[in-house]
Each structure stands twice: as C-alpha cells, then as structure tokens.
C-alpha atoms as a PDB file:
ATOM      1  CA  MET A   1     -11.102 -13.700  18.531  1.00  0.00           C
ATOM      2  CA  ALA A   2     -14.855 -11.521  19.440  1.00  0.00           C
ATOM      3  CA  SER A   3     -14.108  -7.535  19.550  1.00  0.00           C
ATOM      4  CA  SER A   4     -14.989  -5.823  22.972  1.00  0.00           C
ATOM      5  CA  ARG A   5     -15.406  -3.053  20.867  1.00  0.00           C
ATOM      6  CA  TRP A   6     -19.303  -1.489  20.656  1.00  0.00           C
ATOM      7  CA  LYS A   7     -21.186  -1.716  17.326  1.00  0.00           C
ATOM      8  CA  LYS A   8     -21.430   1.409  15.382  1.00  0.00           C
ATOM      9  CA  GLY A   9     -24.690   3.150  16.530  1.00  0.00           C
ATOM     10  CA  GLN A  10     -25.044   0.596  19.708  1.00  0.00           C
ATOM     11  CA  SER A  11     -24.229   2.497  23.203  1.00  0.00           C
ATOM     12  CA  GLY A  12     -23.226   0.456  25.675  1.00  0.00           C
ATOM     13  CA  ASN A  13     -25.317   1.373  28.340  1.00  0.00           C
ATOM     14  CA  THR A  14     -29.281   0.956  26.889  1.00  0.00           C
ATOM     15  CA  ALA A  15     -30.645   2.326  30.168  1.00  0.00           C
ATOM     16  CA  GLY A  16     -28.711   5.981  29.370  1.00  0.00           C
ATOM     17  CA  ARG A  17     -29.390   8.416  30.892  1.00  0.00           C
ATOM     18  CA  LYS A  18     -32.421   9.795  32.263  1.00  0.00           C
ATOM     19  CA  PRO A  19     -34.162  13.130  29.890  1.00  0.00           C
ATOM     20  CA  GLY A  20     -34.185  15.908  32.115  1.00  0.00           C
ATOM     21  CA  THR A  21     -31.298  14.791  34.634  1.00  0.00           C
ATOM     22  CA  GLY A  22     -28.254  16.642  33.531  1.00  0.00           C
ATOM     23  CA  GLU A  23     -26.609  19.332  34.575  1.00  0.00           C
ATOM     24  CA  VAL A  24     -28.367  22.465  32.773  1.00  0.00           C
ATOM     25  CA  ALA A  25     -31.930  20.922  33.884  1.00  0.00           C
ATOM     26  CA  ARG A  26     -30.929  21.311  37.604  1.00  0.00           C
ATOM     27  CA  LEU A  27     -29.264  25.018  36.916  1.00  0.00           C
ATOM     28  CA  ARG A  28     -32.826  25.164  35.002  1.00  0.00           C
ATOM     29  CA  ALA A  29     -35.270  24.012  37.658  1.00  0.00           C
ATOM     30  CA  ALA A  30     -32.830  26.140  40.898  1.00  0.00           C
ATOM     31  CA  ILE A  31     -33.702  28.819  38.669  1.00  0.00           C
ATOM     32  CA  ALA A  32     -37.885  28.589  37.788  1.00  0.00           C
ATOM     33  CA  GLY A  33     -38.754  29.240  41.673  1.00  0.00           C
ATOM     34  CA  HIS A  34     -37.042  33.067  41.374  1.00  0.00           C
ATOM     35  CA  VAL A  35     -37.558  33.709  37.601  1.00  0.00           C
ATOM     36  CA  PRO A  36     -41.122  36.021  38.312  1.00  0.00           C
ATOM     37  CA  SER A  37     -38.863  37.758  41.205  1.00  0.00           C
ATOM     38  CA  ILE A  38     -35.916  38.802  38.679  1.00  0.00           C
ATOM     39  CA  ILE A  39     -38.069  39.682  36.275  1.00  0.00           C
ATOM     40  CA  GLU A  40     -39.228  41.922  38.632  1.00  0.00           C
ATOM     41  CA  LYS A  41     -36.238  43.477  39.322  1.00  0.00           C
ATOM     42  CA  LEU A  42     -34.678  44.297  35.650  1.00  0.00           C
ATOM     43  CA  THR A  43     -38.140  45.932  35.153  1.00  0.00           C
ATOM     44  CA  ALA A  44     -37.656  48.274  37.878  1.00  0.00           C
ATOM     45  CA  ALA A  45     -34.319  48.657  36.299  1.00  0.00           C
ATOM     46  CA  ALA A  46     -35.207  49.135  32.772  1.00  0.00           C
ATOM     47  CA  LEU A  47     -37.861  51.844  34.343  1.00  0.00           C
ATOM     48  CA  ALA A  48     -35.541  53.769  36.571  1.00  0.00           C
ATOM     49  CA  GLY A  49     -33.082  54.174  33.152  1.00  0.00           C
ATOM     50  CA  ASP A  50     -30.896  50.451  33.074  1.00  0.00           C
ATOM     51  CA  VAL A  51     -30.481  50.920  29.495  1.00  0.00           C
ATOM     52  CA  GLY A  52     -29.305  47.567  29.454  1.00  0.00           C
ATOM     53  CA  ALA A  53     -31.941  45.340  31.779  1.00  0.00           C
ATOM     54  CA  ALA A  54     -34.474  47.240  29.358  1.00  0.00           C
ATOM     55  CA  ARG A  55     -32.737  45.956  26.217  1.00  0.00           C
ATOM     56  CA  LEU A  56     -32.158  42.294  27.972  1.00  0.00           C
ATOM     57  CA  LEU A  57     -36.054  42.577  28.675  1.00  0.00           C
ATOM     58  CA  LEU A  58     -37.073  44.282  24.944  1.00  0.00           C
ATOM     59  CA  GLU A  59     -34.734  40.704  23.068  1.00  0.00           C
ATOM     60  CA  ARG A  60     -36.028  38.459  25.255  1.00  0.00           C
ATOM     61  CA  ALA A  61     -40.533  39.699  24.955  1.00  0.00           C
ATOM     62  CA  LEU A  62     -40.236  40.962  21.950  1.00  0.00           C
ATOM     63  CA  PRO A  63     -40.156  39.408  18.298  1.00  0.00           C
ATOM     64  CA  PRO A  64     -36.933  41.572  16.661  1.00  0.00           C
ATOM     65  CA  MET A  65     -38.382  44.498  13.807  1.00  0.00           C
ATOM     66  CA  LYS A  66     -37.939  44.136  10.352  1.00  0.00           C
ATOM     67  CA  ALA A  67     -37.843  46.577   7.794  1.00  0.00           C
ATOM     68  CA  VAL A  68     -41.026  47.013   5.257  1.00  0.00           C
ATOM     69  CA  GLU A  69     -40.756  47.928   2.153  1.00  0.00           C
ATOM     70  CA  GLU A  70     -43.731  50.472   0.407  1.00  0.00           C
ATOM     71  CA  PRO A  71     -45.535  49.247  -2.572  1.00  0.00           C
ATOM     72  CA  LEU A  72     -44.020  50.631  -5.320  1.00  0.00           C
ATOM     73  CA  HIS A  73     -45.909  52.006  -8.542  1.00  0.00           C
ATOM     74  CA  PHE A  74     -43.952  53.428 -11.761  1.00  0.00           C
ATOM     75  CA  GLU A  75     -44.287  52.328 -15.053  1.00  0.00           C
ATOM     76  CA  LEU A  76     -42.545  49.604 -16.765  1.00  0.00           C
ATOM     77  CA  ALA A  77     -42.729  51.316 -20.735  1.00  0.00           C
ATOM     78  CA  GLY A  78     -41.809  49.403 -23.668  1.00  0.00           C
ATOM     79  CA  LYS A  79     -42.598  46.102 -25.215  1.00  0.00           C
ATOM     80  CA  GLY A  80     -39.968  43.993 -24.252  1.00  0.00           C
ATOM     81  CA  LEU A  81     -37.494  42.909 -21.473  1.00  0.00           C
ATOM     82  CA  ALA A  82     -34.763  45.022 -21.772  1.00  0.00           C
ATOM     83  CA  ASP A  83     -36.903  47.926 -22.176  1.00  0.00           C
ATOM     84  CA  GLN A  84     -38.396  47.386 -18.673  1.00  0.00           C
ATOM     85  CA  GLY A  85     -34.595  46.721 -17.656  1.00  0.00           C
ATOM     86  CA  ARG A  86     -34.252  49.855 -18.733  1.00  0.00           C
ATOM     87  CA  ALA A  87     -37.025  51.742 -16.832  1.00  0.00           C
ATOM     88  CA  VAL A  88     -36.216  50.166 -13.666  1.00  0.00           C
ATOM     89  CA  MET A  89     -33.010  51.093 -13.953  1.00  0.00           C
ATOM     90  CA  SER A  90     -33.904  54.420 -14.930  1.00  0.00           C
ATOM     91  CA  ALA A  91     -36.269  54.829 -11.611  1.00  0.00           C
ATOM     92  CA  ALA A  92     -33.090  54.083  -9.839  1.00  0.00           C
ATOM     93  CA  ALA A  93     -31.018  56.450 -11.060  1.00  0.00           C
ATOM     94  CA  ASN A  94     -33.691  58.856 -11.139  1.00  0.00           C
ATOM     95  CA  GLY A  95     -34.148  57.947  -7.340  1.00  0.00           C
ATOM     96  CA  GLU A  96     -37.350  56.812  -7.629  1.00  0.00           C
ATOM     97  CA  ILE A  97     -37.038  53.419  -6.062  1.00  0.00           C
ATOM     98  CA  ALA A  98     -34.033  52.273  -4.129  1.00  0.00           C
ATOM     99  CA  PRO A  99     -31.456  50.556  -5.343  1.00  0.00           C
ATOM    100  CA  ALA A 100     -31.983  46.872  -3.546  1.00  0.00           C
ATOM    101  CA  GLN A 101     -35.964  47.777  -4.800  1.00  0.00           C
ATOM    102  CA  ALA A 102     -34.475  47.908  -8.473  1.00  0.00           C
ATOM    103  CA  SER A 103     -31.955  45.008  -8.410  1.00  0.00           C
ATOM    104  CA  THR A 104     -34.335  43.424  -6.861  1.00  0.00           C
ATOM    105  CA  LEU A 105     -37.086  44.285 -10.059  1.00  0.00           C
ATOM    106  CA  LEU A 106     -34.475  42.985 -11.950  1.00  0.00           C
ATOM    107  CA  THR A 107     -33.924  40.071 -10.748  1.00  0.00           C
ATOM    108  CA  ALA A 108     -37.690  39.043 -11.137  1.00  0.00           C
ATOM    109  CA  LEU A 109     -37.153  40.187 -14.310  1.00  0.00           C
ATOM    110  CA  GLY A 110     -34.877  38.067 -15.613  1.00  0.00           C
ATOM    111  CA  THR A 111     -36.384  35.254 -13.382  1.00  0.00           C
ATOM    112  CA  LEU A 112     -39.677  36.034 -16.159  1.00  0.00           C
ATOM    113  CA  SER A 113     -37.754  35.566 -19.192  1.00  0.00           C
ATOM    114  CA  ARG A 114     -35.654  32.670 -17.665  1.00  0.00           C
ATOM    115  CA  VAL A 115     -40.199  31.750 -17.371  1.00  0.00           C
ATOM    116  CA  VAL A 116     -41.096  33.262 -21.390  1.00  0.00           C
ATOM    117  CA  GLU A 117     -38.021  31.232 -22.853  1.00  0.00           C
ATOM    118  CA  VAL A 118     -39.423  27.935 -21.276  1.00  0.00           C
ATOM    119  CA  GLU A 119     -42.556  28.420 -22.298  1.00  0.00           C
ATOM    120  CA  GLU A 120     -41.711  29.365 -25.669  1.00  0.00           C
ATOM    121  CA  LEU A 121     -39.833  26.545 -26.876  1.00  0.00           C
ATOM    122  CA  VAL A 122     -42.237  24.657 -25.555  1.00  0.00           C
ATOM    123  CA  VAL A 123     -44.563  25.893 -27.898  1.00  0.00           C
ATOM    124  CA  ARG A 124     -42.300  25.133 -30.339  1.00  0.00           C
ATOM    125  CA  ILE A 125     -41.045  21.592 -29.788  1.00  0.00           C
ATOM    126  CA  GLU A 126     -44.934  20.976 -29.817  1.00  0.00           C
ATOM    127  CA  GLN A 127     -45.275  23.156 -33.127  1.00  0.00           C
ATOM    128  CA  LEU A 128     -42.085  21.368 -34.371  1.00  0.00           C
ATOM    129  CA  GLU A 129     -44.005  17.476 -33.137  1.00  0.00           C
ATOM    130  CA  ARG A 130     -46.877  18.619 -34.790  1.00  0.00           C
ATOM    131  CA  ASP A 131     -45.361  19.269 -38.087  1.00  0.00           C
ATOM    132  CA  GLN A 132     -43.475  15.678 -37.670  1.00  0.00           C
ATOM    133  CA  LYS A 133     -46.140  13.910 -37.260  1.00  0.00           C
ATOM    134  CA  GLN A 134     -48.264  15.155 -40.024  1.00  0.00           C
ATOM    135  CA  GLY A 135     -45.065  14.902 -42.299  1.00  0.00           C
ATOM    136  CA  GLY A 136     -44.873  11.039 -41.093  1.00  0.00           C
ATOM    137  CA  SER A 137     -48.834  10.562 -42.006  1.00  0.00           C
ATOM    138  CA  ARG A 138     -48.657  10.592 -45.321  1.00  0.00           C
END
C-alpha cells in the first residue's frame, strides 16, 4: 500500500507562495509611501520635547554608543607571572585601575601562563627526543 504522506523535506506545493506576497510585505508596501511624512512628524514631535519620539528616532537612526576604556599605564613589577598578578591586584586595590580592568588583565596573564607552559613543554619534549636519538645511535 503506497503511503499518501509527503516525503521528509519535500513540499506538497513545489511552486509555493512567491516571496513578498505575505501579509508583512503588504503592510510594508502600504506604509512605505508614508515614511517621509512619518519621520517628519516624529522629528517635529521630538523637537517639541516629545522624549518618546526623540528616543525612537535616535534608537533607529544612530548605533548605540559603546563604552570605551582608556589605556592603562602601570608597571607589572616582578620576575614571574605570579608577581605580575600581584601587581595587578595591588593596582586594583589602590584604585589605580578598575576591578573589571584587573579581571581582564588577570585573565590575560592566565592565558599567557598557559602559552608559556606549552612553549616550555615543547622545548622539553624536543630535548628529550634529541637525547633519545643520541642515546639510540650509539
């Protein structure tokens, strides 16, 4: 007995509805001719003190402003990464840098420590392989 169901991923209407013929497209087309006068009226209302109109215009016309951090200038004293981490914590505790900046710097130091660790492991493995080759060729 043949199944009357459609195969998975196959449409029963291969022609389908044409793009741009839905309700949203009709609404957009109806409004499109009035956009300049709508913007003009919103602008006039915003200039007259309508905060909602001003907010709507600004939110739609301008991208949101993003916070910008100033560059930091302070010494990461010490020989190792732990000392540098302590310097970051000290700078945050003394108010030289913001806690969020300290967090970012500590995360960067943690990433750097993993990079250094991998680099040291590569050097050690290469040295072990050289030693093994020299010992095996005798």
